[in-house]
PDB file of all heavy atoms in Angstrom:
ATOM      1  N   ASP A   1     104.938  84.548 126.309  1.00  0.00           N
ATOM      2  CA  ASP A   1     105.693  85.334 127.292  1.00  0.00           C
ATOM      3  C   ASP A   1     106.933  86.008 126.701  1.00  0.00           C
ATOM      4  O   ASP A   1     107.735  86.597 127.443  1.00  0.00           O
ATOM      5  CB  ASP A   1     106.113  84.427 128.456  1.00  0.00           C
ATOM      6  CG  ASP A   1     104.910  83.801 129.165  1.00  0.00           C
ATOM      7  OD1 ASP A   1     103.902  84.519 129.326  1.00  0.00           O
ATOM      8  OD2 ASP A   1     104.988  82.621 129.532  1.00  0.00           O
ATOM      9  N   ALA A   2     107.090  85.921 125.394  1.00  0.00           N
ATOM     10  CA  ALA A   2     108.267  86.518 124.762  1.00  0.00           C
ATOM     11  C   ALA A   2     108.227  88.039 124.845  1.00  0.00           C
ATOM     12  O   ALA A   2     107.166  88.652 125.002  1.00  0.00           O
ATOM     13  CB  ALA A   2     108.328  86.083 123.294  1.00  0.00           C
ATOM     14  N   ASP A   3     109.404  88.653 124.733  1.00  0.00           N
ATOM     15  CA  ASP A   3     109.461  90.112 124.623  1.00  0.00           C
ATOM     16  C   ASP A   3     108.831  90.503 123.287  1.00  0.00           C
ATOM     17  O   ASP A   3     108.978  89.794 122.280  1.00  0.00           O
ATOM     18  CB  ASP A   3     110.921  90.595 124.657  1.00  0.00           C
ATOM     19  CG  ASP A   3     111.541  90.427 126.040  1.00  0.00           C
ATOM     20  OD1 ASP A   3     110.775  90.420 127.026  1.00  0.00           O
ATOM     21  OD2 ASP A   3     112.766  90.288 126.126  1.00  0.00           O
ATOM     22  N   ARG A   4     108.142  91.639 123.256  1.00  0.00           N
ATOM     23  CA  ARG A   4     107.460  92.039 122.029  1.00  0.00           C
ATOM     24  C   ARG A   4     107.558  93.548 121.818  1.00  0.00           C
ATOM     25  O   ARG A   4     107.745  94.324 122.756  1.00  0.00           O
ATOM     26  CB  ARG A   4     106.002  91.587 122.044  1.00  0.00           C
ATOM     27  CG  ARG A   4     105.162  92.102 123.200  1.00  0.00           C
ATOM     28  CD  ARG A   4     103.794  91.408 123.224  1.00  0.00           C
ATOM     29  NE  ARG A   4     102.896  91.993 124.194  1.00  0.00           N
ATOM     30  CZ  ARG A   4     102.883  91.704 125.476  1.00  0.00           C
ATOM     31  NH1 ARG A   4     103.733  90.803 125.951  1.00  0.00           N
ATOM     32  NH2 ARG A   4     102.015  92.293 126.294  1.00  0.00           N
ATOM     33  N   GLN A   5     107.423  93.928 120.571  1.00  0.00           N
ATOM     34  CA  GLN A   5     107.422  95.345 120.194  1.00  0.00           C
ATOM     35  C   GLN A   5     106.663  95.501 118.883  1.00  0.00           C
ATOM     36  O   GLN A   5     106.425  94.523 118.166  1.00  0.00           O
ATOM     37  CB  GLN A   5     108.856  95.867 120.047  1.00  0.00           C
ATOM     38  CG  GLN A   5     109.680  95.136 118.992  1.00  0.00           C
ATOM     39  CD  GLN A   5     111.069  95.710 118.819  1.00  0.00           C
ATOM     40  OE1 GLN A   5     111.226  96.935 118.712  1.00  0.00           O
ATOM     41  NE2 GLN A   5     112.083  94.849 118.768  1.00  0.00           N
ATOM     42  N   GLU A   6     106.271  96.716 118.561  1.00  0.00           N
ATOM     43  CA  GLU A   6     105.552  96.986 117.321  1.00  0.00           C
ATOM     44  C   GLU A   6     106.477  97.722 116.362  1.00  0.00           C
ATOM     45  O   GLU A   6     107.053  98.755 116.717  1.00  0.00           O
ATOM     46  CB  GLU A   6     104.298  97.827 117.611  1.00  0.00           C
ATOM     47  CG  GLU A   6     103.357  97.950 116.426  1.00  0.00           C
ATOM     48  CD  GLU A   6     102.017  98.558 116.831  1.00  0.00           C
ATOM     49  OE1 GLU A   6     101.189  97.829 117.416  1.00  0.00           O
ATOM     50  OE2 GLU A   6     101.812  99.759 116.582  1.00  0.00           O
ATOM     51  N   VAL A   7     106.611  97.175 115.145  1.00  0.00           N
ATOM     52  CA  VAL A   7     107.548  97.749 114.179  1.00  0.00           C
ATOM     53  C   VAL A   7     106.927  97.808 112.786  1.00  0.00           C
ATOM     54  O   VAL A   7     105.902  97.176 112.510  1.00  0.00           O
ATOM     55  CB  VAL A   7     108.858  96.925 114.113  1.00  0.00           C
ATOM     56  CG1 VAL A   7     109.547  96.871 115.474  1.00  0.00           C
ATOM     57  CG2 VAL A   7     108.580  95.501 113.600  1.00  0.00           C
ATOM     58  N   ASP A   8     107.566  98.579 111.907  1.00  0.00           N
ATOM     59  CA  ASP A   8     107.208  98.604 110.490  1.00  0.00           C
ATOM     60  C   ASP A   8     107.420  97.203 109.929  1.00  0.00           C
ATOM     61  O   ASP A   8     108.476  96.587 110.138  1.00  0.00           O
ATOM     62  CB  ASP A   8     108.107  99.618 109.762  1.00  0.00           C
ATOM     63  CG  ASP A   8     107.746  99.777 108.292  1.00  0.00           C
ATOM     64  OD1 ASP A   8     107.687  98.756 107.580  1.00  0.00           O
ATOM     65  OD2 ASP A   8     107.515 100.926 107.870  1.00  0.00           O
ATOM     66  N   ILE A   9     106.448  96.682 109.191  1.00  0.00           N
ATOM     67  CA  ILE A   9     106.540  95.293 108.733  1.00  0.00           C
ATOM     68  C   ILE A   9     107.663  95.092 107.718  1.00  0.00           C
ATOM     69  O   ILE A   9     108.153  93.975 107.536  1.00  0.00           O
ATOM     70  CB  ILE A   9     105.187  94.819 108.153  1.00  0.00           C
ATOM     71  CG1 ILE A   9     105.161  93.283 108.076  1.00  0.00           C
ATOM     72  CG2 ILE A   9     104.920  95.455 106.796  1.00  0.00           C
ATOM     73  CD1 ILE A   9     103.804  92.689 107.811  1.00  0.00           C
ATOM     74  N   TYR A  10     108.108  96.170 107.072  1.00  0.00           N
ATOM     75  CA  TYR A  10     109.198  96.055 106.105  1.00  0.00           C
ATOM     76  C   TYR A  10     110.576  96.124 106.778  1.00  0.00           C
ATOM     77  O   TYR A  10     111.589  95.949 106.116  1.00  0.00           O
ATOM     78  CB  TYR A  10     109.090  97.166 105.052  1.00  0.00           C
ATOM     79  CG  TYR A  10     107.998  96.920 104.037  1.00  0.00           C
ATOM     80  CD1 TYR A  10     106.681  97.326 104.286  1.00  0.00           C
ATOM     81  CD2 TYR A  10     108.268  96.270 102.834  1.00  0.00           C
ATOM     82  CE1 TYR A  10     105.673  97.108 103.360  1.00  0.00           C
ATOM     83  CE2 TYR A  10     107.260  96.039 101.905  1.00  0.00           C
ATOM     84  CZ  TYR A  10     105.963  96.458 102.182  1.00  0.00           C
ATOM     85  OH  TYR A  10     104.961  96.233 101.265  1.00  0.00           O
ATOM     86  N   HIS A  11     110.579  96.365 108.103  1.00  0.00           N
ATOM     87  CA  HIS A  11     111.854  96.499 108.813  1.00  0.00           C
ATOM     88  C   HIS A  11     111.807  95.733 110.140  1.00  0.00           C
ATOM     89  O   HIS A  11     111.979  96.302 111.212  1.00  0.00           O
ATOM     90  CB  HIS A  11     112.181  97.976 109.057  1.00  0.00           C
ATOM     91  CG  HIS A  11     112.323  98.774 107.797  1.00  0.00           C
ATOM     92  ND1 HIS A  11     111.289  99.478 107.238  1.00  0.00           N
ATOM     93  CD2 HIS A  11     113.397  98.946 106.973  1.00  0.00           C
ATOM     94  CE1 HIS A  11     111.702 100.079 106.128  1.00  0.00           C
ATOM     95  NE2 HIS A  11     112.985  99.763 105.950  1.00  0.00           N
ATOM     96  N   ILE A  12     111.590  94.430 110.045  1.00  0.00           N
ATOM     97  CA  ILE A  12     111.579  93.591 111.244  1.00  0.00           C
ATOM     98  C   ILE A  12     113.021  93.230 111.593  1.00  0.00           C
ATOM     99  O   ILE A  12     113.772  92.737 110.750  1.00  0.00           O
ATOM    100  CB  ILE A  12     110.751  92.310 111.011  1.00  0.00           C
ATOM    101  CG1 ILE A  12     109.290  92.682 110.699  1.00  0.00           C
ATOM    102  CG2 ILE A  12     110.807  91.392 112.227  1.00  0.00           C
ATOM    103  CD1 ILE A  12     108.409  91.498 110.348  1.00  0.00           C
ATOM    104  N   PRO A  13     113.445  93.482 112.832  1.00  0.00           N
ATOM    105  CA  PRO A  13     114.838  93.213 113.216  1.00  0.00           C
ATOM    106  C   PRO A  13     115.167  91.717 113.140  1.00  0.00           C
ATOM    107  O   PRO A  13     114.292  90.865 113.319  1.00  0.00           O
ATOM    108  CB  PRO A  13     114.913  93.713 114.664  1.00  0.00           C
ATOM    109  CG  PRO A  13     113.739  94.616 114.841  1.00  0.00           C
ATOM    110  CD  PRO A  13     112.672  94.068 113.946  1.00  0.00           C
ATOM    111  N   GLU A  14     116.420  91.433 112.875  1.00  0.00           N
ATOM    112  CA  GLU A  14     116.879  90.037 112.890  1.00  0.00           C
ATOM    113  C   GLU A  14     116.661  89.459 114.292  1.00  0.00           C
ATOM    114  O   GLU A  14     116.872  90.131 115.299  1.00  0.00           O
ATOM    115  CB  GLU A  14     118.351  89.953 112.502  1.00  0.00           C
ATOM    116  CG  GLU A  14     118.615  90.273 111.035  1.00  0.00           C
ATOM    117  CD  GLU A  14     117.847  89.372 110.091  1.00  0.00           C
ATOM    118  OE1 GLU A  14     117.771  88.151 110.355  1.00  0.00           O
ATOM    119  OE2 GLU A  14     117.295  89.886 109.095  1.00  0.00           O
ATOM    120  N   GLY A  15     116.238  88.192 114.335  1.00  0.00           N
ATOM    121  CA  GLY A  15     115.995  87.546 115.620  1.00  0.00           C
ATOM    122  C   GLY A  15     114.576  87.741 116.137  1.00  0.00           C
ATOM    123  O   GLY A  15     114.204  87.161 117.164  1.00  0.00           O
ATOM    124  N   TRP A  16     113.788  88.559 115.427  1.00  0.00           N
ATOM    125  CA  TRP A  16     112.399  88.805 115.823  1.00  0.00           C
ATOM    126  C   TRP A  16     111.463  88.262 114.743  1.00  0.00           C
ATOM    127  O   TRP A  16     111.824  88.212 113.566  1.00  0.00           O
ATOM    128  CB  TRP A  16     112.138  90.293 116.022  1.00  0.00           C
ATOM    129  CG  TRP A  16     112.892  90.878 117.189  1.00  0.00           C
ATOM    130  CD1 TRP A  16     114.231  91.137 117.239  1.00  0.00           C
ATOM    131  CD2 TRP A  16     112.358  91.255 118.452  1.00  0.00           C
ATOM    132  NE1 TRP A  16     114.570  91.660 118.468  1.00  0.00           N
ATOM    133  CE2 TRP A  16     113.432  91.755 119.235  1.00  0.00           C
ATOM    134  CE3 TRP A  16     111.077  91.258 119.016  1.00  0.00           C
ATOM    135  CZ2 TRP A  16     113.264  92.217 120.531  1.00  0.00           C
ATOM    136  CZ3 TRP A  16     110.903  91.729 120.312  1.00  0.00           C
ATOM    137  CH2 TRP A  16     111.982  92.192 121.066  1.00  0.00           C
ATOM    138  N   GLN A  17     110.274  87.883 115.146  1.00  0.00           N
ATOM    139  CA  GLN A  17     109.317  87.322 114.183  1.00  0.00           C
ATOM    140  C   GLN A  17     107.939  87.948 114.362  1.00  0.00           C
ATOM    141  O   GLN A  17     107.518  88.267 115.478  1.00  0.00           O
ATOM    142  CB  GLN A  17     109.216  85.805 114.347  1.00  0.00           C
ATOM    143  CG  GLN A  17     108.825  85.335 115.742  1.00  0.00           C
ATOM    144  CD  GLN A  17     108.922  83.823 115.893  1.00  0.00           C
ATOM    145  OE1 GLN A  17     108.237  83.086 115.196  1.00  0.00           O
ATOM    146  NE2 GLN A  17     109.788  83.373 116.796  1.00  0.00           N
ATOM    147  N   GLY A  18     107.249  88.148 113.239  1.00  0.00           N
ATOM    148  CA  GLY A  18     105.908  88.722 113.269  1.00  0.00           C
ATOM    149  C   GLY A  18     104.904  87.774 113.888  1.00  0.00           C
ATOM    150  O   GLY A  18     104.849  86.600 113.523  1.00  0.00           O
ATOM    151  N   MET A  19     104.083  88.320 114.812  1.00  0.00           N
ATOM    152  CA  MET A  19     103.121  87.487 115.541  1.00  0.00           C
ATOM    153  C   MET A  19     101.688  88.020 115.489  1.00  0.00           C
ATOM    154  O   MET A  19     100.744  87.282 115.732  1.00  0.00           O
ATOM    155  CB  MET A  19     103.556  87.377 117.007  1.00  0.00           C
ATOM    156  CG  MET A  19     104.909  86.739 117.229  1.00  0.00           C
ATOM    157  SD  MET A  19     104.901  84.938 117.037  1.00  0.00           S
ATOM    158  CE  MET A  19     104.225  84.455 118.639  1.00  0.00           C
ATOM    159  N   ASP A  20     101.535  89.315 115.188  1.00  0.00           N
ATOM    160  CA  ASP A  20     100.197  89.886 115.206  1.00  0.00           C
ATOM    161  C   ASP A  20     100.172  91.173 114.376  1.00  0.00           C
ATOM    162  O   ASP A  20     101.216  91.810 114.169  1.00  0.00           O
ATOM    163  CB  ASP A  20      99.762  90.192 116.647  1.00  0.00           C
ATOM    164  CG  ASP A  20      98.266  90.432 116.785  1.00  0.00           C
ATOM    165  OD1 ASP A  20      97.526  90.173 115.818  1.00  0.00           O
ATOM    166  OD2 ASP A  20      97.839  90.865 117.880  1.00  0.00           O
ATOM    167  N   ALA A  21      98.996  91.555 113.931  1.00  0.00           N
ATOM    168  CA  ALA A  21      98.849  92.797 113.176  1.00  0.00           C
ATOM    169  C   ALA A  21      99.081  93.993 114.083  1.00  0.00           C
ATOM    170  O   ALA A  21      98.636  94.010 115.243  1.00  0.00           O
ATOM    171  CB  ALA A  21      97.456  92.864 112.560  1.00  0.00           C
ATOM    172  N   GLY A  22      99.759  95.005 113.575  1.00  0.00           N
ATOM    173  CA  GLY A  22     100.026  96.216 114.343  1.00  0.00           C
ATOM    174  C   GLY A  22      98.831  97.159 114.368  1.00  0.00           C
ATOM    175  O   GLY A  22      97.832  96.955 113.671  1.00  0.00           O
ATOM    176  N   SER A  23      98.928  98.233 115.145  1.00  0.00           N
ATOM    177  CA  SER A  23      97.813  99.154 115.339  1.00  0.00           C
ATOM    178  C   SER A  23      97.419  99.901 114.067  1.00  0.00           C
ATOM    179  O   SER A  23      96.240 100.098 113.781  1.00  0.00           O
ATOM    180  CB  SER A  23      98.153 100.162 116.445  1.00  0.00           C
ATOM    181  OG  SER A  23      99.384 100.813 116.171  1.00  0.00           O
ATOM    182  N   LYS A  24      98.395 100.324 113.261  1.00  0.00           N
ATOM    183  CA  LYS A  24      98.079 101.021 112.012  1.00  0.00           C
ATOM    184  C   LYS A  24      97.392 100.078 111.023  1.00  0.00           C
ATOM    185  O   LYS A  24      96.467 100.464 110.305  1.00  0.00           O
ATOM    186  CB  LYS A  24      99.349 101.604 111.389  1.00  0.00           C
ATOM    187  CG  LYS A  24      99.970 102.742 112.186  1.00  0.00           C
ATOM    188  CD  LYS A  24     101.246 103.238 111.519  1.00  0.00           C
ATOM    189  CE  LYS A  24     101.900 104.347 112.346  1.00  0.00           C
ATOM    190  NZ  LYS A  24     103.194 104.791 111.739  1.00  0.00           N
ATOM    191  N   THR A  25      97.864  98.844 110.989  1.00  0.00           N
ATOM    192  CA  THR A  25      97.266  97.839 110.112  1.00  0.00           C
ATOM    193  C   THR A  25      95.811  97.599 110.483  1.00  0.00           C
ATOM    194  O   THR A  25      94.934  97.520 109.613  1.00  0.00           O
ATOM    195  CB  THR A  25      98.057  96.513 110.202  1.00  0.00           C
ATOM    196  OG1 THR A  25      99.377  96.725 109.699  1.00  0.00           O
ATOM    197  CG2 THR A  25      97.379  95.407 109.402  1.00  0.00           C
ATOM    198  N   ARG A  26      95.539  97.516 111.786  1.00  0.00           N
ATOM    199  CA  ARG A  26      94.167  97.289 112.239  1.00  0.00           C
ATOM    200  C   ARG A  26      93.259  98.428 111.788  1.00  0.00           C
ATOM    201  O   ARG A  26      92.112  98.207 111.393  1.00  0.00           O
ATOM    202  CB  ARG A  26      94.126  97.162 113.764  1.00  0.00           C
ATOM    203  CG  ARG A  26      94.885  95.960 114.304  1.00  0.00           C
ATOM    204  CD  ARG A  26      94.951  96.006 115.823  1.00  0.00           C
ATOM    205  NE  ARG A  26      96.168  95.363 116.305  1.00  0.00           N
ATOM    206  CZ  ARG A  26      96.605  95.437 117.539  1.00  0.00           C
ATOM    207  NH1 ARG A  26      95.931  96.132 118.449  1.00  0.00           N
ATOM    208  NH2 ARG A  26      97.715  94.814 117.908  1.00  0.00           N
ATOM    209  N   GLU A  27      93.765  99.656 111.826  1.00  0.00           N
ATOM    210  CA  GLU A  27      92.970 100.813 111.407  1.00  0.00           C
ATOM    211  C   GLU A  27      92.682 100.766 109.911  1.00  0.00           C
ATOM    212  O   GLU A  27      91.559 101.043 109.472  1.00  0.00           O
ATOM    213  CB  GLU A  27      93.711 102.099 111.755  1.00  0.00           C
ATOM    214  CG  GLU A  27      93.803 102.379 113.247  1.00  0.00           C
ATOM    215  CD  GLU A  27      94.641 103.615 113.543  1.00  0.00           C
ATOM    216  OE1 GLU A  27      95.020 104.319 112.578  1.00  0.00           O
ATOM    217  OE2 GLU A  27      94.923 103.860 114.724  1.00  0.00           O
ATOM    218  N   ILE A  28      93.695 100.398 109.124  1.00  0.00           N
ATOM    219  CA  ILE A  28      93.509 100.307 107.676  1.00  0.00           C
ATOM    220  C   ILE A  28      92.486  99.228 107.331  1.00  0.00           C
ATOM    221  O   ILE A  28      91.560  99.452 106.537  1.00  0.00           O
ATOM    222  CB  ILE A  28      94.848 100.012 106.979  1.00  0.00           C
ATOM    223  CG1 ILE A  28      95.797 101.207 107.121  1.00  0.00           C
ATOM    224  CG2 ILE A  28      94.642  99.661 105.505  1.00  0.00           C
ATOM    225  CD1 ILE A  28      97.221 100.918 106.678  1.00  0.00           C
ATOM    226  N   PHE A  29      92.649  98.061 107.944  1.00  0.00           N
ATOM    227  CA  PHE A  29      91.719  96.959 107.689  1.00  0.00           C
ATOM    228  C   PHE A  29      90.305  97.347 108.116  1.00  0.00           C
ATOM    229  O   PHE A  29      89.319  97.013 107.447  1.00  0.00           O
ATOM    230  CB  PHE A  29      92.167  95.701 108.428  1.00  0.00           C
ATOM    231  CG  PHE A  29      93.413  95.044 107.856  1.00  0.00           C
ATOM    232  CD1 PHE A  29      94.070  95.567 106.757  1.00  0.00           C
ATOM    233  CD2 PHE A  29      93.926  93.880 108.431  1.00  0.00           C
ATOM    234  CE1 PHE A  29      95.215  94.962 106.233  1.00  0.00           C
ATOM    235  CE2 PHE A  29      95.058  93.268 107.923  1.00  0.00           C
ATOM    236  CZ  PHE A  29      95.701  93.811 106.823  1.00  0.00           C
ATOM    237  N   HIS A  30      90.188  98.048 109.241  1.00  0.00           N
ATOM    238  CA  HIS A  30      88.880  98.476 109.747  1.00  0.00           C
ATOM    239  C   HIS A  30      88.179  99.368 108.720  1.00  0.00           C
ATOM    240  O   HIS A  30      86.983  99.181 108.430  1.00  0.00           O
ATOM    241  CB  HIS A  30      89.051  99.229 111.065  1.00  0.00           C
ATOM    242  CG  HIS A  30      87.773  99.826 111.587  1.00  0.00           C
ATOM    243  ND1 HIS A  30      86.804  99.080 112.224  1.00  0.00           N
ATOM    244  CD2 HIS A  30      87.298 101.114 111.544  1.00  0.00           C
ATOM    245  CE1 HIS A  30      85.790  99.860 112.562  1.00  0.00           C
ATOM    246  NE2 HIS A  30      86.064 101.104 112.161  1.00  0.00           N
ATOM    247  N   ASP A  31      88.903 100.314 108.158  1.00  0.00           N
ATOM    248  CA  ASP A  31      88.305 101.239 107.189  1.00  0.00           C
ATOM    249  C   ASP A  31      87.807 100.504 105.947  1.00  0.00           C
ATOM    250  O   ASP A  31      86.731 100.806 105.408  1.00  0.00           O
ATOM    251  CB  ASP A  31      89.317 102.313 106.789  1.00  0.00           C
ATOM    252  CG  ASP A  31      89.591 103.310 107.925  1.00  0.00           C
ATOM    253  OD1 ASP A  31      88.770 103.372 108.865  1.00  0.00           O
ATOM    254  OD2 ASP A  31      90.631 103.997 107.851  1.00  0.00           O
ATOM    255  N   VAL A  32      88.591  99.530 105.487  1.00  0.00           N
ATOM    256  CA  VAL A  32      88.197  98.752 104.313  1.00  0.00           C
ATOM    257  C   VAL A  32      86.920  97.965 104.608  1.00  0.00           C
ATOM    258  O   VAL A  32      85.966  97.958 103.807  1.00  0.00           O
ATOM    259  CB  VAL A  32      89.321  97.784 103.882  1.00  0.00           C
ATOM    260  CG1 VAL A  32      88.848  96.894 102.718  1.00  0.00           C
ATOM    261  CG2 VAL A  32      90.567  98.550 103.489  1.00  0.00           C
ATOM    262  N   ILE A  33      86.893  97.314 105.756  1.00  0.00           N
ATOM    263  CA  ILE A  33      85.744  96.483 106.131  1.00  0.00           C
ATOM    264  C   ILE A  33      84.486  97.325 106.307  1.00  0.00           C
ATOM    265  O   ILE A  33      83.393  96.937 105.859  1.00  0.00           O
ATOM    266  CB  ILE A  33      86.067  95.697 107.423  1.00  0.00           C
ATOM    267  CG1 ILE A  33      87.132  94.633 107.125  1.00  0.00           C
ATOM    268  CG2 ILE A  33      84.808  95.044 107.997  1.00  0.00           C
ATOM    269  CD1 ILE A  33      87.766  94.030 108.355  1.00  0.00           C
ATOM    270  N   MET A  34      84.621  98.489 106.910  1.00  0.00           N
ATOM    271  CA  MET A  34      83.452  99.343 107.144  1.00  0.00           C
ATOM    272  C   MET A  34      82.872  99.887 105.850  1.00  0.00           C
ATOM    273  O   MET A  34      81.719 100.309 105.809  1.00  0.00           O
ATOM    274  CB  MET A  34      83.816 100.489 108.090  1.00  0.00           C
ATOM    275  CG  MET A  34      84.162 100.056 109.504  1.00  0.00           C
ATOM    276  SD  MET A  34      82.867  99.039 110.275  1.00  0.00           S
ATOM    277  CE  MET A  34      81.541 100.236 110.405  1.00  0.00           C
ATOM    278  N   ASN A  35      83.649  99.864 104.798  1.00  0.00           N
ATOM    279  CA  ASN A  35      83.165 100.324 103.491  1.00  0.00           C
ATOM    280  C   ASN A  35      82.796  99.156 102.583  1.00  0.00           C
ATOM    281  O   ASN A  35      82.683  99.317 101.363  1.00  0.00           O
ATOM    282  CB  ASN A  35      84.217 101.205 102.819  1.00  0.00           C
ATOM    283  CG  ASN A  35      84.302 102.581 103.460  1.00  0.00           C
ATOM    284  OD1 ASN A  35      83.362 103.365 103.385  1.00  0.00           O
ATOM    285  ND2 ASN A  35      85.421 102.873 104.116  1.00  0.00           N
ATOM    286  N   SER A  36      82.603  97.978 103.173  1.00  0.00           N
ATOM    287  CA  SER A  36      82.259  96.780 102.414  1.00  0.00           C
ATOM    288  C   SER A  36      80.806  96.380 102.671  1.00  0.00           C
ATOM    289  O   SER A  36      80.267  96.623 103.746  1.00  0.00           O
ATOM    290  CB  SER A  36      83.178  95.612 102.811  1.00  0.00           C
ATOM    291  OG  SER A  36      84.534  95.954 102.609  1.00  0.00           O
ATOM    292  N   ARG A  37      80.203  95.741 101.670  1.00  0.00           N
ATOM    293  CA  ARG A  37      78.827  95.257 101.822  1.00  0.00           C
ATOM    294  C   ARG A  37      78.760  93.739 101.872  1.00  0.00           C
ATOM    295  O   ARG A  37      77.765  93.173 102.326  1.00  0.00           O
ATOM    296  CB  ARG A  37      77.969  95.770 100.659  1.00  0.00           C
ATOM    297  CG  ARG A  37      77.878  97.274 100.589  1.00  0.00           C
ATOM    298  CD  ARG A  37      77.262  97.855 101.855  1.00  0.00           C
ATOM    299  NE  ARG A  37      75.888  97.407 102.043  1.00  0.00           N
ATOM    300  CZ  ARG A  37      75.225  97.516 103.189  1.00  0.00           C
ATOM    301  NH1 ARG A  37      75.804  98.024 104.251  1.00  0.00           N
ATOM    302  NH2 ARG A  37      73.979  97.082 103.279  1.00  0.00           N
ATOM    303  N   THR A  38      79.798  93.083 101.397  1.00  0.00           N
ATOM    304  CA  THR A  38      79.901  91.625 101.471  1.00  0.00           C
ATOM    305  C   THR A  38      81.320  91.288 101.919  1.00  0.00           C
ATOM    306  O   THR A  38      82.285  91.808 101.355  1.00  0.00           O
ATOM    307  CB  THR A  38      79.606  90.969 100.103  1.00  0.00           C
ATOM    308  OG1 THR A  38      78.300  91.358  99.663  1.00  0.00           O
ATOM    309  CG2 THR A  38      79.674  89.454 100.197  1.00  0.00           C
TER     310      THR A  38
END
């Protein structure tokens, strides 16, 4: 139930902690996986 926002992973504000992959990251990971055979 915490307040949340999406930020650049290299610039996380003090007092905030990373909890999940952001939307751009998901797209990058998706492209890598779709071009994989194993």
